[in-house]
Amino acid sequence: MNHLRRLWRVIYLLRRAGGVKGMKNIAQEGPRYFQLARRLVMDNRVPNSAKAVLLGAGAFAVSPFNLPGFIPFVGLIDDIAVAVFAWNYFIKRVPADVLATHRAAVGFKDGPDLLV
């Protein structure tokens, strides 16, 4: 049952990102999001716990550790789910003024943040 809740949370977050159109936007804007993440990780005003979660998710994505493939559907999306949850956690803990400064620096317009 816990896996179903996690799956529902991932689907909910992806729907908040705008569904298929949103996923296309994420793919197109990927380099900017990478720049934003890099700038925020390098900023001393961002809490170290948030940085650790984001960097840990990145390490998990490239590590050979993976959830078993015999778990239906969850085994296929575990890296995506970890990335979505880590990004959501990270962005929520960045101070608003710091986030606004870095968003403007990488060229994002004012508006809601991805998956927050």
C-alpha atoms as a PDB file:
ATOM      1  CA  MET A   1       0.000   0.000   0.000  1.00  0.00           C
ATOM      2  CA  ASN A   2       2.906   2.340   0.760  1.00  0.00           C
ATOM      3  CA  HIS A   3       4.155   1.927  -2.824  1.00  0.00           C
ATOM      4  CA  LEU A   4       0.773   2.975  -4.170  1.00  0.00           C
ATOM      5  CA  ARG A   5       0.872   6.151  -2.088  1.00  0.00           C
ATOM      6  CA  ARG A   6       4.333   6.965  -3.369  1.00  0.00           C
ATOM      7  CA  LEU A   7       3.258   6.295  -6.934  1.00  0.00           C
ATOM      8  CA  TRP A   8       0.218   8.527  -6.492  1.00  0.00           C
ATOM      9  CA  ARG A   9       2.453  11.287  -5.091  1.00  0.00           C
ATOM     10  CA  VAL A  10       4.749  11.069  -8.139  1.00  0.00           C
ATOM     11  CA  ILE A  11       1.762  11.199 -10.510  1.00  0.00           C
ATOM     12  CA  TYR A  12       0.352  14.147  -8.556  1.00  0.00           C
ATOM     13  CA  LEU A  13       3.653  16.040  -8.750  1.00  0.00           C
ATOM     14  CA  LEU A  14       4.010  15.333 -12.466  1.00  0.00           C
ATOM     15  CA  ARG A  15       0.459  16.585 -13.049  1.00  0.00           C
ATOM     16  CA  ARG A  16       1.357  19.756 -11.150  1.00  0.00           C
ATOM     17  CA  ALA A  17       4.275  20.164 -13.544  1.00  0.00           C
ATOM     18  CA  GLY A  18       1.747  20.360 -16.385  1.00  0.00           C
ATOM     19  CA  GLY A  19       1.398  16.806 -17.667  1.00  0.00           C
ATOM     20  CA  VAL A  20       2.836  16.085 -21.107  1.00  0.00           C
ATOM     21  CA  LYS A  21       3.214  19.782 -21.964  1.00  0.00           C
ATOM     22  CA  GLY A  22       4.937  20.343 -18.661  1.00  0.00           C
ATOM     23  CA  MET A  23       7.297  17.450 -19.225  1.00  0.00           C
ATOM     24  CA  LYS A  24       8.160  18.864 -22.666  1.00  0.00           C
ATOM     25  CA  ASN A  25       8.848  22.207 -21.005  1.00  0.00           C
ATOM     26  CA  ILE A  26      11.053  20.531 -18.406  1.00  0.00           C
ATOM     27  CA  ALA A  27      13.054  18.854 -21.178  1.00  0.00           C
ATOM     28  CA  GLN A  28      13.482  22.136 -23.034  1.00  0.00           C
ATOM     29  CA  GLU A  29      14.313  24.101 -19.904  1.00  0.00           C
ATOM     30  CA  GLY A  30      16.540  21.378 -18.452  1.00  0.00           C
ATOM     31  CA  PRO A  31      19.809  23.252 -18.943  1.00  0.00           C
ATOM     32  CA  ARG A  32      18.412  26.283 -17.105  1.00  0.00           C
ATOM     33  CA  TYR A  33      17.218  24.122 -14.217  1.00  0.00           C
ATOM     34  CA  PHE A  34      20.674  22.541 -14.055  1.00  0.00           C
ATOM     35  CA  GLN A  35      22.256  26.016 -13.918  1.00  0.00           C
ATOM     36  CA  LEU A  36      19.772  27.067 -11.251  1.00  0.00           C
ATOM     37  CA  ALA A  37      20.546  23.991  -9.138  1.00  0.00           C
ATOM     38  CA  ARG A  38      24.304  24.492  -9.561  1.00  0.00           C
ATOM     39  CA  ARG A  39      24.092  28.155  -8.550  1.00  0.00           C
ATOM     40  CA  LEU A  40      21.915  27.367  -5.524  1.00  0.00           C
ATOM     41  CA  VAL A  41      24.221  24.565  -4.352  1.00  0.00           C
ATOM     42  CA  MET A  42      27.180  26.946  -4.529  1.00  0.00           C
ATOM     43  CA  ASP A  43      25.349  29.675  -2.554  1.00  0.00           C
ATOM     44  CA  ASN A  44      26.213  29.790   1.170  1.00  0.00           C
ATOM     45  CA  ARG A  45      22.753  31.141   2.055  1.00  0.00           C
ATOM     46  CA  VAL A  46      21.097  27.824   1.130  1.00  0.00           C
ATOM     47  CA  PRO A  47      20.881  25.335   4.047  1.00  0.00           C
ATOM     48  CA  ASN A  48      23.394  22.492   3.918  1.00  0.00           C
ATOM     49  CA  SER A  49      20.671  19.922   4.634  1.00  0.00           C
ATOM     50  CA  ALA A  50      18.857  20.911   1.437  1.00  0.00           C
ATOM     51  CA  LYS A  51      22.090  20.700  -0.547  1.00  0.00           C
ATOM     52  CA  ALA A  52      22.823  17.265   0.896  1.00  0.00           C
ATOM     53  CA  VAL A  53      19.411  15.924  -0.147  1.00  0.00           C
ATOM     54  CA  LEU A  54      19.804  17.219  -3.705  1.00  0.00           C
ATOM     55  CA  LEU A  55      23.359  15.916  -4.060  1.00  0.00           C
ATOM     56  CA  GLY A  56      22.318  12.597  -2.511  1.00  0.00           C
ATOM     57  CA  ALA A  57      19.556  12.227  -5.086  1.00  0.00           C
ATOM     58  CA  GLY A  58      22.076  12.889  -7.839  1.00  0.00           C
ATOM     59  CA  ALA A  59      24.395  10.246  -6.405  1.00  0.00           C
ATOM     60  CA  PHE A  60      21.479   7.787  -6.194  1.00  0.00           C
ATOM     61  CA  ALA A  61      20.625   8.425  -9.850  1.00  0.00           C
ATOM     62  CA  VAL A  62      24.111   7.490 -11.051  1.00  0.00           C
ATOM     63  CA  SER A  63      24.701   4.680  -8.556  1.00  0.00           C
ATOM     64  CA  PRO A  64      24.239   1.037  -9.486  1.00  0.00           C
ATOM     65  CA  PHE A  65      21.806   0.632  -6.552  1.00  0.00           C
ATOM     66  CA  ASN A  66      18.285   0.288  -7.852  1.00  0.00           C
ATOM     67  CA  LEU A  67      14.943  -0.874  -6.565  1.00  0.00           C
ATOM     68  CA  PRO A  68      14.150  -4.372  -7.816  1.00  0.00           C
ATOM     69  CA  GLY A  69      12.512  -4.606 -11.201  1.00  0.00           C
ATOM     70  CA  PHE A  70       9.983  -7.145  -9.948  1.00  0.00           C
ATOM     71  CA  ILE A  71       8.091  -4.427  -8.067  1.00  0.00           C
ATOM     72  CA  PRO A  72       5.507  -3.394 -10.637  1.00  0.00           C
ATOM     73  CA  PHE A  73       6.148   0.055 -12.117  1.00  0.00           C
ATOM     74  CA  VAL A  74       8.049   1.315  -9.047  1.00  0.00           C
ATOM     75  CA  GLY A  75      11.245  -0.381 -10.156  1.00  0.00           C
ATOM     76  CA  LEU A  76      11.086   1.630 -13.385  1.00  0.00           C
ATOM     77  CA  ILE A  77      10.504   5.068 -11.924  1.00  0.00           C
ATOM     78  CA  ASP A  78      12.520   5.041  -8.707  1.00  0.00           C
ATOM     79  CA  ASP A  79      15.211   7.396 -10.031  1.00  0.00           C
ATOM     80  CA  ILE A  80      12.592   9.833 -11.309  1.00  0.00           C
ATOM     81  CA  ALA A  81      10.655   9.708  -8.051  1.00  0.00           C
ATOM     82  CA  VAL A  82      13.773  10.311  -5.956  1.00  0.00           C
ATOM     83  CA  ALA A  83      14.753  13.241  -8.194  1.00  0.00           C
ATOM     84  CA  VAL A  84      11.276  14.794  -7.982  1.00  0.00           C
ATOM     85  CA  PHE A  85      11.085  14.464  -4.205  1.00  0.00           C
ATOM     86  CA  ALA A  86      14.634  15.772  -3.731  1.00  0.00           C
ATOM     87  CA  TRP A  87      14.045  18.797  -5.987  1.00  0.00           C
ATOM     88  CA  ASN A  88      10.776  19.561  -4.202  1.00  0.00           C
ATOM     89  CA  TYR A  89      12.479  19.349  -0.784  1.00  0.00           C
ATOM     90  CA  PHE A  90      15.404  21.456  -1.972  1.00  0.00           C
ATOM     91  CA  ILE A  91      13.355  24.287  -3.501  1.00  0.00           C
ATOM     92  CA  LYS A  92      11.071  24.533  -0.462  1.00  0.00           C
ATOM     93  CA  ARG A  93      14.070  25.140   1.804  1.00  0.00           C
ATOM     94  CA  VAL A  94      15.780  27.792  -0.308  1.00  0.00           C
ATOM     95  CA  PRO A  95      15.025  31.300   1.008  1.00  0.00           C
ATOM     96  CA  ALA A  96      12.651  33.152  -1.348  1.00  0.00           C
ATOM     97  CA  ASP A  97      14.974  36.101  -1.966  1.00  0.00           C
ATOM     98  CA  VAL A  98      17.897  33.812  -2.811  1.00  0.00           C
ATOM     99  CA  LEU A  99      15.738  31.789  -5.178  1.00  0.00           C
ATOM    100  CA  ALA A 100      14.427  34.925  -6.899  1.00  0.00           C
ATOM    101  CA  THR A 101      17.967  36.243  -7.403  1.00  0.00           C
ATOM    102  CA  HIS A 102      19.226  33.022  -8.976  1.00  0.00           C
ATOM    103  CA  ARG A 103      16.078  32.514 -11.072  1.00  0.00           C
ATOM    104  CA  ALA A 104      16.570  35.945 -12.599  1.00  0.00           C
ATOM    105  CA  ALA A 105      20.272  35.267 -13.186  1.00  0.00           C
ATOM    106  CA  VAL A 106      19.569  32.140 -15.266  1.00  0.00           C
ATOM    107  CA  GLY A 107      16.735  33.783 -17.192  1.00  0.00           C
ATOM    108  CA  PHE A 108      13.546  32.447 -15.620  1.00  0.00           C
ATOM    109  CA  LYS A 109      10.568  34.762 -15.529  1.00  0.00           C
ATOM    110  CA  ASP A 110       8.653  35.423 -12.321  1.00  0.00           C
ATOM    111  CA  GLY A 111       6.190  32.684 -11.582  1.00  0.00           C
ATOM    112  CA  PRO A 112       5.682  29.430  -9.716  1.00  0.00           C
ATOM    113  CA  ASP A 113       8.613  27.112  -9.318  1.00  0.00           C
ATOM    114  CA  LEU A 114       8.731  23.648 -10.767  1.00  0.00           C
ATOM    115  CA  LEU A 115       7.060  21.021  -8.583  1.00  0.00           C
ATOM    116  CA  VAL A 116       6.653  23.160  -5.509  1.00  0.00           C
END
